[in-house]
Amino acid sequence: MHIGADNRYEQMSYARCGRSGLMLPRISLGLWQNFGLEKTLEEQKEIIFQAFDHGITHFDLANNYGNPAPGLAEENFGKILHNELSSYRDELVISTKAGFDMWPGPYGNWGSRKYLTASLDQSLKRMGLNYVDIFYHHRPDPETPLEETMGALSDMVRRGKALYVGISNYQEPETRRAAEILKANGTPCLIHQPRYNMFERWVEDGLLDTLEEAGVGCIAYSPLAQGALTDRYLKGIPEGSRASRQGTTVQGRYLTEEKLEKVRRLNEIAQSRGQSLAQMALLWVLRKSQVTSVLVGASSAAQLKNSMDSLKGAAFTQDELDTIEEILQQR
């Protein structure tokens, strides 16, 4: 069994998640990448132990995480949890999601009550858990009535399979309506998980204000734009990187020459602040009062430590924010 560092809670800051009793670490660990077969189980343990020993209590999963087979991330996390961290279960916030394609046929995708119920049952079995702390609907379903999807989430809480529920990838109008339905059901929406980074700022166009008004927390995923907002691509796309792999969306979404030039200029600001670009990018997302936590991935314990060190950075001056804004708006 892993023995957690005695000073783990002195190394992390926490924020209240919306109008709830739950505190989340300002940096949480996502298991989207590197927790299937990309890394050995020992390498995965090293990352998870590094996180826990530095006060990261929140571990974020989904039914379809894991390469090459959906569900592998939950299986591997479950093994590590039960073999190494089971005595700390009550100190952990474990979340999972359902909403993307998971198994063949009409009941393995989207947002029906049947799919969500079956998916959470399968996730609990893979992780060896009786309940998760947060269960999300992973994306809006254009066909299923929102009342059915939110009703299924509420039922998960009533049945003791989840303590809280949330939504992910919902636009502002959908978010407002989902929060209203969940509140009426007596199971308030705890949290929203949107994509948010320097290059993708749609949440600033009303969603963050709606979350604040509704008392819903926010955890931003892809805050580093899948690695684009790091020093990895300052000199172009290196061979063997995620962006160089066939079929990836990273290059087209984030690594146009226009964006790479912005990355280089942003890196200069980060260096002047005594930070890495990644650290500055994380702190930039956390500058918004509505953002409870940022969700980071990690391919190594060292990379995770670099992300956590972002919290040591000084608050932005207005001049720095203005300069960053000028760079991001430039065409």
C-alpha atoms as a PDB file:
ATOM      1  CA  MET A   1       0.000   0.000   0.000  1.00  0.00           C
ATOM      2  CA  HIS A   2       1.154   3.498  -0.827  1.00  0.00           C
ATOM      3  CA  ILE A   3       1.658   5.758   2.182  1.00  0.00           C
ATOM      4  CA  GLY A   4       0.561   9.296   1.380  1.00  0.00           C
ATOM      5  CA  ALA A   5       2.873  12.213   2.177  1.00  0.00           C
ATOM      6  CA  ASP A   6       2.120  13.715   5.584  1.00  0.00           C
ATOM      7  CA  ASN A   7       2.178  17.249   4.193  1.00  0.00           C
ATOM      8  CA  ARG A   8       0.046  16.558   1.103  1.00  0.00           C
ATOM      9  CA  TYR A   9      -2.675  19.041   2.025  1.00  0.00           C
ATOM     10  CA  GLU A  10      -0.163  21.786   2.633  1.00  0.00           C
ATOM     11  CA  GLN A  11       0.957  21.617  -1.007  1.00  0.00           C
ATOM     12  CA  MET A  12      -2.364  22.312  -2.728  1.00  0.00           C
ATOM     13  CA  SER A  13      -5.013  25.015  -2.565  1.00  0.00           C
ATOM     14  CA  TYR A  14      -8.704  24.188  -2.810  1.00  0.00           C
ATOM     15  CA  ALA A  15     -11.834  26.011  -3.933  1.00  0.00           C
ATOM     16  CA  ARG A  16     -15.504  25.483  -3.204  1.00  0.00           C
ATOM     17  CA  CYS A  17     -17.383  23.945  -6.117  1.00  0.00           C
ATOM     18  CA  GLY A  18     -20.283  26.286  -6.820  1.00  0.00           C
ATOM     19  CA  ARG A  19     -22.813  26.482  -3.995  1.00  0.00           C
ATOM     20  CA  SER A  20     -21.993  23.088  -2.541  1.00  0.00           C
ATOM     21  CA  GLY A  21     -20.118  21.638   0.378  1.00  0.00           C
ATOM     22  CA  LEU A  22     -17.472  20.108  -1.866  1.00  0.00           C
ATOM     23  CA  MET A  23     -13.978  21.553  -2.162  1.00  0.00           C
ATOM     24  CA  LEU A  24     -11.872  20.636  -5.184  1.00  0.00           C
ATOM     25  CA  PRO A  25      -8.115  21.013  -5.679  1.00  0.00           C
ATOM     26  CA  ARG A  26      -7.254  23.883  -7.980  1.00  0.00           C
ATOM     27  CA  ILE A  27      -5.501  21.322 -10.171  1.00  0.00           C
ATOM     28  CA  SER A  28      -7.118  17.942 -10.812  1.00  0.00           C
ATOM     29  CA  LEU A  29      -5.749  14.927 -12.678  1.00  0.00           C
ATOM     30  CA  GLY A  30      -7.471  13.691 -15.819  1.00  0.00           C
ATOM     31  CA  LEU A  31      -6.932  10.137 -17.036  1.00  0.00           C
ATOM     32  CA  TRP A  32      -7.980  10.720 -20.657  1.00  0.00           C
ATOM     33  CA  GLN A  33      -4.502  10.016 -22.059  1.00  0.00           C
ATOM     34  CA  ASN A  34      -1.687   7.706 -20.831  1.00  0.00           C
ATOM     35  CA  PHE A  35      -3.790   5.431 -18.628  1.00  0.00           C
ATOM     36  CA  GLY A  36      -4.562   2.677 -21.113  1.00  0.00           C
ATOM     37  CA  LEU A  37      -1.649   0.727 -22.571  1.00  0.00           C
ATOM     38  CA  GLU A  38       0.483   3.800 -23.410  1.00  0.00           C
ATOM     39  CA  LYS A  39       2.229   3.512 -20.033  1.00  0.00           C
ATOM     40  CA  THR A  40       2.991   0.551 -17.818  1.00  0.00           C
ATOM     41  CA  LEU A  41       0.964   0.178 -14.649  1.00  0.00           C
ATOM     42  CA  GLU A  42       4.069   1.156 -12.650  1.00  0.00           C
ATOM     43  CA  GLU A  43       4.391   4.386 -14.637  1.00  0.00           C
ATOM     44  CA  GLN A  44       0.714   5.119 -14.073  1.00  0.00           C
ATOM     45  CA  LYS A  45       1.151   4.528 -10.354  1.00  0.00           C
ATOM     46  CA  GLU A  46       4.021   6.998 -10.235  1.00  0.00           C
ATOM     47  CA  ILE A  47       1.855   9.737 -11.747  1.00  0.00           C
ATOM     48  CA  ILE A  48      -1.114   9.016  -9.472  1.00  0.00           C
ATOM     49  CA  PHE A  49       1.057   8.850  -6.346  1.00  0.00           C
ATOM     50  CA  GLN A  50       2.735  12.125  -7.312  1.00  0.00           C
ATOM     51  CA  ALA A  51      -0.698  13.692  -7.619  1.00  0.00           C
ATOM     52  CA  PHE A  52      -2.001  12.397  -4.294  1.00  0.00           C
ATOM     53  CA  ASP A  53       1.182  13.219  -2.405  1.00  0.00           C
ATOM     54  CA  HIS A  54       0.850  16.838  -3.575  1.00  0.00           C
ATOM     55  CA  GLY A  55      -2.771  17.243  -2.547  1.00  0.00           C
ATOM     56  CA  ILE A  56      -4.555  16.380  -5.795  1.00  0.00           C
ATOM     57  CA  THR A  57      -7.607  14.569  -4.503  1.00  0.00           C
ATOM     58  CA  HIS A  58      -9.711  14.643  -7.661  1.00  0.00           C
ATOM     59  CA  PHE A  59      -9.223  11.995 -10.353  1.00  0.00           C
ATOM     60  CA  ASP A  60     -11.335  12.391 -13.485  1.00  0.00           C
ATOM     61  CA  LEU A  61     -12.288   9.502 -15.785  1.00  0.00           C
ATOM     62  CA  ALA A  62     -14.922   8.532 -18.342  1.00  0.00           C
ATOM     63  CA  ASN A  63     -16.335   5.259 -19.602  1.00  0.00           C
ATOM     64  CA  ASN A  64     -14.530   5.631 -22.946  1.00  0.00           C
ATOM     65  CA  TYR A  65     -11.074   6.607 -21.649  1.00  0.00           C
ATOM     66  CA  GLY A  66      -8.278   4.164 -22.383  1.00  0.00           C
ATOM     67  CA  ASN A  67      -6.201   3.327 -25.435  1.00  0.00           C
ATOM     68  CA  PRO A  68      -6.618   1.039 -27.324  1.00  0.00           C
ATOM     69  CA  ALA A  69      -9.834  -0.125 -25.626  1.00  0.00           C
ATOM     70  CA  PRO A  70     -12.465   2.095 -23.983  1.00  0.00           C
ATOM     71  CA  GLY A  71     -12.709   1.335 -20.284  1.00  0.00           C
ATOM     72  CA  LEU A  72      -9.012   0.549 -19.780  1.00  0.00           C
ATOM     73  CA  ALA A  73      -8.378   3.753 -17.843  1.00  0.00           C
ATOM     74  CA  GLU A  74     -11.095   2.867 -15.352  1.00  0.00           C
ATOM     75  CA  GLU A  75      -9.772  -0.695 -15.046  1.00  0.00           C
ATOM     76  CA  ASN A  76      -6.208   0.458 -14.438  1.00  0.00           C
ATOM     77  CA  PHE A  77      -7.254   3.163 -12.014  1.00  0.00           C
ATOM     78  CA  GLY A  78      -9.377   0.630 -10.135  1.00  0.00           C
ATOM     79  CA  LYS A  79      -6.403  -1.710  -9.759  1.00  0.00           C
ATOM     80  CA  ILE A  80      -4.175   1.059  -8.446  1.00  0.00           C
ATOM     81  CA  LEU A  81      -6.872   2.340  -6.116  1.00  0.00           C
ATOM     82  CA  HIS A  82      -7.586  -1.037  -4.541  1.00  0.00           C
ATOM     83  CA  ASN A  83      -4.012  -2.298  -4.395  1.00  0.00           C
ATOM     84  CA  GLU A  84      -2.350   0.928  -3.269  1.00  0.00           C
ATOM     85  CA  LEU A  85      -4.809   3.638  -2.149  1.00  0.00           C
ATOM     86  CA  SER A  86      -7.899   1.874  -0.801  1.00  0.00           C
ATOM     87  CA  SER A  87      -7.371   3.213   2.713  1.00  0.00           C
ATOM     88  CA  TYR A  88      -7.611   6.749   1.298  1.00  0.00           C
ATOM     89  CA  ARG A  89     -10.901   6.287  -0.577  1.00  0.00           C
ATOM     90  CA  ASP A  90     -12.715   8.819   1.601  1.00  0.00           C
ATOM     91  CA  GLU A  91     -10.053  11.424   0.800  1.00  0.00           C
ATOM     92  CA  LEU A  92     -10.601  11.086  -2.953  1.00  0.00           C
ATOM     93  CA  VAL A  93     -13.072  12.607  -5.385  1.00  0.00           C
ATOM     94  CA  ILE A  94     -13.507  10.149  -8.253  1.00  0.00           C
ATOM     95  CA  SER A  95     -15.559  11.143 -11.267  1.00  0.00           C
ATOM     96  CA  THR A  96     -16.628   9.387 -14.437  1.00  0.00           C
ATOM     97  CA  LYS A  97     -18.822  10.206 -17.420  1.00  0.00           C
ATOM     98  CA  ALA A  98     -21.021   8.696 -20.103  1.00  0.00           C
ATOM     99  CA  GLY A  99     -22.244  10.154 -23.369  1.00  0.00           C
ATOM    100  CA  PHE A 100     -19.933   9.046 -26.169  1.00  0.00           C
ATOM    101  CA  ASP A 101     -20.008   5.817 -28.155  1.00  0.00           C
ATOM    102  CA  MET A 102     -19.225   2.884 -25.874  1.00  0.00           C
ATOM    103  CA  TRP A 103     -20.742  -0.347 -27.216  1.00  0.00           C
ATOM    104  CA  PRO A 104     -22.599  -1.431 -30.388  1.00  0.00           C
ATOM    105  CA  GLY A 105     -26.279  -0.887 -30.977  1.00  0.00           C
ATOM    106  CA  PRO A 106     -28.771   1.845 -30.081  1.00  0.00           C
ATOM    107  CA  TYR A 107     -28.222   1.700 -26.311  1.00  0.00           C
ATOM    108  CA  GLY A 108     -24.475   2.366 -26.128  1.00  0.00           C
ATOM    109  CA  ASN A 109     -24.305   6.098 -26.781  1.00  0.00           C
ATOM    110  CA  TRP A 110     -25.794   9.556 -26.091  1.00  0.00           C
ATOM    111  CA  GLY A 111     -28.122  10.250 -23.152  1.00  0.00           C
ATOM    112  CA  SER A 112     -30.959   7.784 -22.686  1.00  0.00           C
ATOM    113  CA  ARG A 113     -31.806   6.530 -19.219  1.00  0.00           C
ATOM    114  CA  LYS A 114     -30.930   2.999 -20.352  1.00  0.00           C
ATOM    115  CA  TYR A 115     -27.470   3.954 -21.592  1.00  0.00           C
ATOM    116  CA  LEU A 116     -26.535   6.140 -18.622  1.00  0.00           C
ATOM    117  CA  THR A 117     -27.702   3.571 -16.066  1.00  0.00           C
ATOM    118  CA  ALA A 118     -25.888   0.696 -17.760  1.00  0.00           C
ATOM    119  CA  SER A 119     -22.752   2.757 -18.308  1.00  0.00           C
ATOM    120  CA  LEU A 120     -22.406   3.786 -14.680  1.00  0.00           C
ATOM    121  CA  ASP A 121     -22.970   0.193 -13.547  1.00  0.00           C
ATOM    122  CA  GLN A 122     -20.165  -0.905 -15.882  1.00  0.00           C
ATOM    123  CA  SER A 123     -17.854   1.899 -14.715  1.00  0.00           C
ATOM    124  CA  LEU A 124     -18.381   0.995 -11.065  1.00  0.00           C
ATOM    125  CA  LYS A 125     -17.590  -2.642 -11.860  1.00  0.00           C
ATOM    126  CA  ARG A 126     -14.403  -1.720 -13.758  1.00  0.00           C
ATOM    127  CA  MET A 127     -13.171   0.441 -10.879  1.00  0.00           C
ATOM    128  CA  GLY A 128     -14.421  -1.871  -8.133  1.00  0.00           C
ATOM    129  CA  LEU A 129     -16.417   0.917  -6.491  1.00  0.00           C
ATOM    130  CA  ASN A 130     -19.815   1.125  -4.843  1.00  0.00           C
ATOM    131  CA  TYR A 131     -20.237   4.747  -5.915  1.00  0.00           C
ATOM    132  CA  VAL A 132     -18.478   7.600  -7.692  1.00  0.00           C
ATOM    133  CA  ASP A 133     -18.314  11.064  -6.253  1.00  0.00           C
ATOM    134  CA  ILE A 134     -19.340  12.793  -9.498  1.00  0.00           C
ATOM    135  CA  PHE A 135     -21.178  11.331 -12.493  1.00  0.00           C
ATOM    136  CA  TYR A 136     -21.340  13.479 -15.634  1.00  0.00           C
ATOM    137  CA  HIS A 137     -23.348  13.434 -18.788  1.00  0.00           C
ATOM    138  CA  HIS A 138     -20.438  13.793 -21.211  1.00  0.00           C
ATOM    139  CA  ARG A 139     -22.186  15.657 -24.040  1.00  0.00           C
ATOM    140  CA  PRO A 140     -25.677  16.888 -24.967  1.00  0.00           C
ATOM    141  CA  ASP A 141     -27.965  14.485 -26.786  1.00  0.00           C
ATOM    142  CA  PRO A 142     -29.925  16.227 -29.571  1.00  0.00           C
ATOM    143  CA  GLU A 143     -32.602  13.506 -29.664  1.00  0.00           C
ATOM    144  CA  THR A 144     -33.286  12.434 -26.069  1.00  0.00           C
ATOM    145  CA  PRO A 145     -35.434  14.836 -24.004  1.00  0.00           C
ATOM    146  CA  LEU A 146     -33.271  16.691 -21.518  1.00  0.00           C
ATOM    147  CA  GLU A 147     -35.753  15.748 -18.783  1.00  0.00           C
ATOM    148  CA  GLU A 148     -34.967  12.070 -19.345  1.00  0.00           C
ATOM    149  CA  THR A 149     -31.195  12.561 -19.264  1.00  0.00           C
ATOM    150  CA  MET A 150     -31.249  14.758 -16.167  1.00  0.00           C
ATOM    151  CA  GLY A 151     -33.793  12.444 -14.549  1.00  0.00           C
ATOM    152  CA  ALA A 152     -31.391   9.542 -15.027  1.00  0.00           C
ATOM    153  CA  LEU A 153     -28.588  11.548 -13.385  1.00  0.00           C
ATOM    154  CA  SER A 154     -30.855  12.348 -10.455  1.00  0.00           C
ATOM    155  CA  ASP A 155     -31.736   8.682 -10.080  1.00  0.00           C
ATOM    156  CA  MET A 156     -28.049   7.791  -9.843  1.00  0.00           C
ATOM    157  CA  VAL A 157     -27.807  10.002  -6.753  1.00  0.00           C
ATOM    158  CA  ARG A 158     -30.997   8.607  -5.213  1.00  0.00           C
ATOM    159  CA  ARG A 159     -29.760   5.053  -5.771  1.00  0.00           C
ATOM    160  CA  GLY A 160     -26.460   5.846  -4.050  1.00  0.00           C
ATOM    161  CA  LYS A 161     -24.340   5.255  -7.154  1.00  0.00           C
ATOM    162  CA  ALA A 162     -23.153   8.883  -7.303  1.00  0.00           C
ATOM    163  CA  LEU A 163     -22.876  11.588  -4.672  1.00  0.00           C
ATOM    164  CA  TYR A 164     -23.094  14.474  -7.136  1.00  0.00           C
ATOM    165  CA  VAL A 165     -23.870  14.938 -10.825  1.00  0.00           C
ATOM    166  CA  GLY A 166     -22.559  17.239 -13.521  1.00  0.00           C
ATOM    167  CA  ILE A 167     -22.562  17.973 -17.234  1.00  0.00           C
ATOM    168  CA  SER A 168     -19.825  18.415 -19.821  1.00  0.00           C
ATOM    169  CA  ASN A 169     -19.628  20.139 -23.215  1.00  0.00           C
ATOM    170  CA  TYR A 170     -23.037  21.805 -22.782  1.00  0.00           C
ATOM    171  CA  GLN A 171     -23.581  25.240 -24.321  1.00  0.00           C
ATOM    172  CA  GLU A 172     -25.051  28.062 -22.239  1.00  0.00           C
ATOM    173  CA  PRO A 173     -28.786  27.608 -23.033  1.00  0.00           C
ATOM    174  CA  GLU A 174     -28.583  23.830 -22.516  1.00  0.00           C
ATOM    175  CA  THR A 175     -26.679  24.363 -19.272  1.00  0.00           C
ATOM    176  CA  ARG A 176     -29.286  26.744 -17.917  1.00  0.00           C
ATOM    177  CA  ARG A 177     -32.112  24.326 -18.658  1.00  0.00           C
ATOM    178  CA  ALA A 178     -30.225  21.290 -17.317  1.00  0.00           C
ATOM    179  CA  ALA A 179     -29.480  23.115 -14.059  1.00  0.00           C
ATOM    180  CA  GLU A 180     -33.151  24.065 -13.704  1.00  0.00           C
ATOM    181  CA  ILE A 181     -34.304  20.467 -14.192  1.00  0.00           C
ATOM    182  CA  LEU A 182     -31.752  19.055 -11.762  1.00  0.00           C
ATOM    183  CA  LYS A 183     -32.655  21.642  -9.148  1.00  0.00           C
ATOM    184  CA  ALA A 184     -36.343  20.770  -9.515  1.00  0.00           C
ATOM    185  CA  ASN A 185     -35.388  17.102  -9.107  1.00  0.00           C
ATOM    186  CA  GLY A 186     -33.706  17.884  -5.787  1.00  0.00           C
ATOM    187  CA  THR A 187     -30.242  16.923  -7.101  1.00  0.00           C
ATOM    188  CA  PRO A 188     -28.552  20.221  -8.026  1.00  0.00           C
ATOM    189  CA  CYS A 189     -25.971  20.331 -10.796  1.00  0.00           C
ATOM    190  CA  LEU A 190     -22.631  20.360  -8.998  1.00  0.00           C
ATOM    191  CA  ILE A 191     -20.262  21.107 -11.867  1.00  0.00           C
ATOM    192  CA  HIS A 192     -19.795  21.759 -15.566  1.00  0.00           C
ATOM    193  CA  GLN A 193     -16.726  20.513 -17.449  1.00  0.00           C
ATOM    194  CA  PRO A 194     -16.112  22.599 -20.600  1.00  0.00           C
ATOM    195  CA  ARG A 195     -13.093  22.859 -22.864  1.00  0.00           C
ATOM    196  CA  TYR A 196     -11.376  26.169 -21.994  1.00  0.00           C
ATOM    197  CA  ASN A 197      -7.954  27.506 -22.858  1.00  0.00           C
ATOM    198  CA  MET A 198      -6.324  30.578 -24.368  1.00  0.00           C
ATOM    199  CA  PHE A 199      -7.365  29.528 -27.866  1.00  0.00           C
ATOM    200  CA  GLU A 200     -10.910  28.364 -27.025  1.00  0.00           C
ATOM    201  CA  ARG A 201     -12.795  30.937 -24.991  1.00  0.00           C
ATOM    202  CA  TRP A 202     -16.432  30.294 -25.782  1.00  0.00           C
ATOM    203  CA  VAL A 203     -17.211  29.829 -22.080  1.00  0.00           C
ATOM    204  CA  GLU A 204     -16.585  33.555 -21.573  1.00  0.00           C
ATOM    205  CA  ASP A 205     -19.586  34.370 -23.800  1.00  0.00           C
ATOM    206  CA  GLY A 206     -22.217  33.759 -21.149  1.00  0.00           C
ATOM    207  CA  LEU A 207     -21.563  30.257 -19.807  1.00  0.00           C
ATOM    208  CA  LEU A 208     -19.361  31.287 -16.867  1.00  0.00           C
ATOM    209  CA  ASP A 209     -21.904  33.911 -15.807  1.00  0.00           C
ATOM    210  CA  THR A 210     -24.706  31.346 -16.010  1.00  0.00           C
ATOM    211  CA  LEU A 211     -22.725  28.890 -13.877  1.00  0.00           C
ATOM    212  CA  GLU A 212     -22.100  31.554 -11.253  1.00  0.00           C
ATOM    213  CA  GLU A 213     -25.763  32.540 -11.216  1.00  0.00           C
ATOM    214  CA  ALA A 214     -26.880  28.910 -10.884  1.00  0.00           C
ATOM    215  CA  GLY A 215     -24.289  28.065  -8.230  1.00  0.00           C
ATOM    216  CA  VAL A 216     -22.567  25.490 -10.445  1.00  0.00           C
ATOM    217  CA  GLY A 217     -18.811  24.916 -10.299  1.00  0.00           C
ATOM    218  CA  CYS A 218     -16.567  24.780 -13.357  1.00  0.00           C
ATOM    219  CA  ILE A 219     -13.622  22.513 -14.096  1.00  0.00           C
ATOM    220  CA  ALA A 220     -11.826  23.357 -17.335  1.00  0.00           C
ATOM    221  CA  TYR A 221     -10.470  20.551 -19.478  1.00  0.00           C
ATOM    222  CA  SER A 222      -7.784  20.881 -22.144  1.00  0.00           C
ATOM    223  CA  PRO A 223      -6.389  24.042 -20.467  1.00  0.00           C
ATOM    224  CA  LEU A 224      -3.097  23.507 -22.324  1.00  0.00           C
ATOM    225  CA  ALA A 225      -4.811  22.994 -25.681  1.00  0.00           C
ATOM    226  CA  GLN A 226      -3.631  19.366 -25.821  1.00  0.00           C
ATOM    227  CA  GLY A 227      -0.025  20.436 -25.319  1.00  0.00           C
ATOM    228  CA  ALA A 228       0.002  23.366 -27.747  1.00  0.00           C
ATOM    229  CA  LEU A 229       0.361  25.819 -24.845  1.00  0.00           C
ATOM    230  CA  THR A 230       3.621  24.280 -23.668  1.00  0.00           C
ATOM    231  CA  ASP A 231       7.198  24.568 -24.888  1.00  0.00           C
ATOM    232  CA  ARG A 232       6.799  21.326 -26.879  1.00  0.00           C
ATOM    233  CA  TYR A 233       5.999  22.963 -30.207  1.00  0.00           C
ATOM    234  CA  LEU A 234       8.018  26.198 -30.037  1.00  0.00           C
ATOM    235  CA  LYS A 235      10.273  24.975 -32.845  1.00  0.00           C
ATOM    236  CA  GLY A 236       7.624  23.103 -34.786  1.00  0.00           C
ATOM    237  CA  ILE A 237       6.059  19.660 -34.457  1.00  0.00           C
ATOM    238  CA  PRO A 238       8.613  17.094 -33.252  1.00  0.00           C
ATOM    239  CA  GLU A 239       8.532  13.553 -34.565  1.00  0.00           C
ATOM    240  CA  GLY A 240       6.797  11.180 -32.186  1.00  0.00           C
ATOM    241  CA  SER A 241       4.699  13.877 -30.488  1.00  0.00           C
ATOM    242  CA  ARG A 242       0.919  13.531 -30.205  1.00  0.00           C
ATOM    243  CA  ALA A 243       0.443  16.190 -32.891  1.00  0.00           C
ATOM    244  CA  SER A 244       2.543  14.180 -35.353  1.00  0.00           C
ATOM    245  CA  ARG A 245       0.361  11.073 -35.097  1.00  0.00           C
ATOM    246  CA  GLN A 246      -1.916  10.259 -38.009  1.00  0.00           C
ATOM    247  CA  GLY A 247      -5.567  11.051 -37.349  1.00  0.00           C
ATOM    248  CA  THR A 248      -4.969  13.457 -34.469  1.00  0.00           C
ATOM    249  CA  THR A 249      -6.885  16.747 -34.348  1.00  0.00           C
ATOM    250  CA  VAL A 250      -4.185  18.593 -32.416  1.00  0.00           C
ATOM    251  CA  GLN A 251      -2.321  19.976 -35.414  1.00  0.00           C
ATOM    252  CA  GLY A 252      -5.332  21.330 -37.261  1.00  0.00           C
ATOM    253  CA  ARG A 253      -7.005  22.715 -34.154  1.00  0.00           C
ATOM    254  CA  TYR A 254      -4.066  24.334 -32.389  1.00  0.00           C
ATOM    255  CA  LEU A 255      -0.861  24.260 -34.416  1.00  0.00           C
ATOM    256  CA  THR A 256      -1.411  26.422 -37.447  1.00  0.00           C
ATOM    257  CA  GLU A 257       1.501  28.767 -38.136  1.00  0.00           C
ATOM    258  CA  GLU A 258      -0.624  31.663 -36.884  1.00  0.00           C
ATOM    259  CA  LYS A 259      -1.205  29.942 -33.546  1.00  0.00           C
ATOM    260  CA  LEU A 260       2.424  28.806 -33.260  1.00  0.00           C
ATOM    261  CA  GLU A 261       3.539  32.416 -33.595  1.00  0.00           C
ATOM    262  CA  LYS A 262       1.180  33.338 -30.760  1.00  0.00           C
ATOM    263  CA  VAL A 263       2.575  30.473 -28.688  1.00  0.00           C
ATOM    264  CA  ARG A 264       6.107  31.825 -29.148  1.00  0.00           C
ATOM    265  CA  ARG A 265       5.075  35.312 -28.050  1.00  0.00           C
ATOM    266  CA  LEU A 266       3.149  33.940 -25.069  1.00  0.00           C
ATOM    267  CA  ASN A 267       6.218  31.953 -24.097  1.00  0.00           C
ATOM    268  CA  GLU A 268       8.207  35.184 -23.890  1.00  0.00           C
ATOM    269  CA  ILE A 269       5.713  36.568 -21.373  1.00  0.00           C
ATOM    270  CA  ALA A 270       5.869  33.354 -19.362  1.00  0.00           C
ATOM    271  CA  GLN A 271       9.672  33.535 -19.240  1.00  0.00           C
ATOM    272  CA  SER A 272       9.510  37.132 -18.042  1.00  0.00           C
ATOM    273  CA  ARG A 273       7.259  35.915 -15.194  1.00  0.00           C
ATOM    274  CA  GLY A 274       9.689  33.127 -14.296  1.00  0.00           C
ATOM    275  CA  GLN A 275       7.242  30.447 -15.424  1.00  0.00           C
ATOM    276  CA  SER A 276       6.987  27.837 -18.113  1.00  0.00           C
ATOM    277  CA  LEU A 277       4.373  28.516 -20.780  1.00  0.00           C
ATOM    278  CA  ALA A 278       2.280  25.638 -19.429  1.00  0.00           C
ATOM    279  CA  GLN A 279       2.316  27.100 -15.936  1.00  0.00           C
ATOM    280  CA  MET A 280       1.226  30.492 -17.200  1.00  0.00           C
ATOM    281  CA  ALA A 281      -1.529  28.996 -19.355  1.00  0.00           C
ATOM    282  CA  LEU A 282      -2.964  27.103 -16.379  1.00  0.00           C
ATOM    283  CA  LEU A 283      -2.866  30.153 -14.156  1.00  0.00           C
ATOM    284  CA  TRP A 284      -4.532  32.192 -16.921  1.00  0.00           C
ATOM    285  CA  VAL A 285      -7.534  29.812 -16.912  1.00  0.00           C
ATOM    286  CA  LEU A 286      -7.681  29.903 -13.106  1.00  0.00           C
ATOM    287  CA  ARG A 287      -7.776  33.716 -13.153  1.00  0.00           C
ATOM    288  CA  LYS A 288     -11.543  33.485 -13.665  1.00  0.00           C
ATOM    289  CA  SER A 289     -13.344  33.385 -10.328  1.00  0.00           C
ATOM    290  CA  GLN A 290     -15.944  30.943 -11.697  1.00  0.00           C
ATOM    291  CA  VAL A 291     -13.308  28.311 -12.487  1.00  0.00           C
ATOM    292  CA  THR A 292     -13.032  25.899  -9.568  1.00  0.00           C
ATOM    293  CA  SER A 293     -10.260  23.697 -10.958  1.00  0.00           C
ATOM    294  CA  VAL A 294      -8.253  22.936 -14.086  1.00  0.00           C
ATOM    295  CA  LEU A 295      -7.999  19.391 -15.340  1.00  0.00           C
ATOM    296  CA  VAL A 296      -4.522  18.387 -16.473  1.00  0.00           C
ATOM    297  CA  GLY A 297      -3.157  15.227 -18.014  1.00  0.00           C
ATOM    298  CA  ALA A 298       0.351  13.936 -17.485  1.00  0.00           C
ATOM    299  CA  SER A 299       2.722  11.585 -19.262  1.00  0.00           C
ATOM    300  CA  SER A 300       5.131  11.565 -16.315  1.00  0.00           C
ATOM    301  CA  ALA A 301       5.375  12.561 -12.673  1.00  0.00           C
ATOM    302  CA  ALA A 302       7.789  15.339 -13.645  1.00  0.00           C
ATOM    303  CA  GLN A 303       5.321  16.801 -16.123  1.00  0.00           C
ATOM    304  CA  LEU A 304       2.589  16.739 -13.490  1.00  0.00           C
ATOM    305  CA  LYS A 305       4.869  18.492 -10.991  1.00  0.00           C
ATOM    306  CA  ASN A 306       5.508  21.227 -13.556  1.00  0.00           C
ATOM    307  CA  SER A 307       1.757  21.770 -13.863  1.00  0.00           C
ATOM    308  CA  MET A 308       1.258  21.880 -10.101  1.00  0.00           C
ATOM    309  CA  ASP A 309       3.993  24.481  -9.764  1.00  0.00           C
ATOM    310  CA  SER A 310       1.790  26.896 -11.716  1.00  0.00           C
ATOM    311  CA  LEU A 311       0.041  27.641  -8.420  1.00  0.00           C
ATOM    312  CA  LYS A 312       3.259  29.197  -7.124  1.00  0.00           C
ATOM    313  CA  GLY A 313       3.136  31.877  -9.827  1.00  0.00           C
ATOM    314  CA  ALA A 314       2.359  35.489  -9.060  1.00  0.00           C
ATOM    315  CA  ALA A 315      -1.049  36.905  -9.904  1.00  0.00           C
ATOM    316  CA  PHE A 316      -1.191  38.563 -13.305  1.00  0.00           C
ATOM    317  CA  THR A 317      -0.755  42.304 -13.507  1.00  0.00           C
ATOM    318  CA  GLN A 318      -3.241  44.188 -15.648  1.00  0.00           C
ATOM    319  CA  ASP A 319      -0.444  45.004 -18.095  1.00  0.00           C
ATOM    320  CA  GLU A 320       0.335  41.301 -18.484  1.00  0.00           C
ATOM    321  CA  LEU A 321      -3.314  40.448 -19.060  1.00  0.00           C
ATOM    322  CA  ASP A 322      -3.618  43.237 -21.613  1.00  0.00           C
ATOM    323  CA  THR A 323      -0.537  42.030 -23.487  1.00  0.00           C
ATOM    324  CA  ILE A 324      -1.786  38.431 -23.494  1.00  0.00           C
ATOM    325  CA  GLU A 325      -5.148  39.630 -24.780  1.00  0.00           C
ATOM    326  CA  GLU A 326      -3.475  41.605 -27.543  1.00  0.00           C
ATOM    327  CA  ILE A 327      -1.545  38.509 -28.654  1.00  0.00           C
ATOM    328  CA  LEU A 328      -4.594  36.272 -28.588  1.00  0.00           C
ATOM    329  CA  GLN A 329      -6.760  38.738 -30.538  1.00  0.00           C
ATOM    330  CA  GLN A 330      -4.149  39.427 -33.193  1.00  0.00           C
ATOM    331  CA  ARG A 331      -4.926  38.081 -36.664  1.00  0.00           C
END
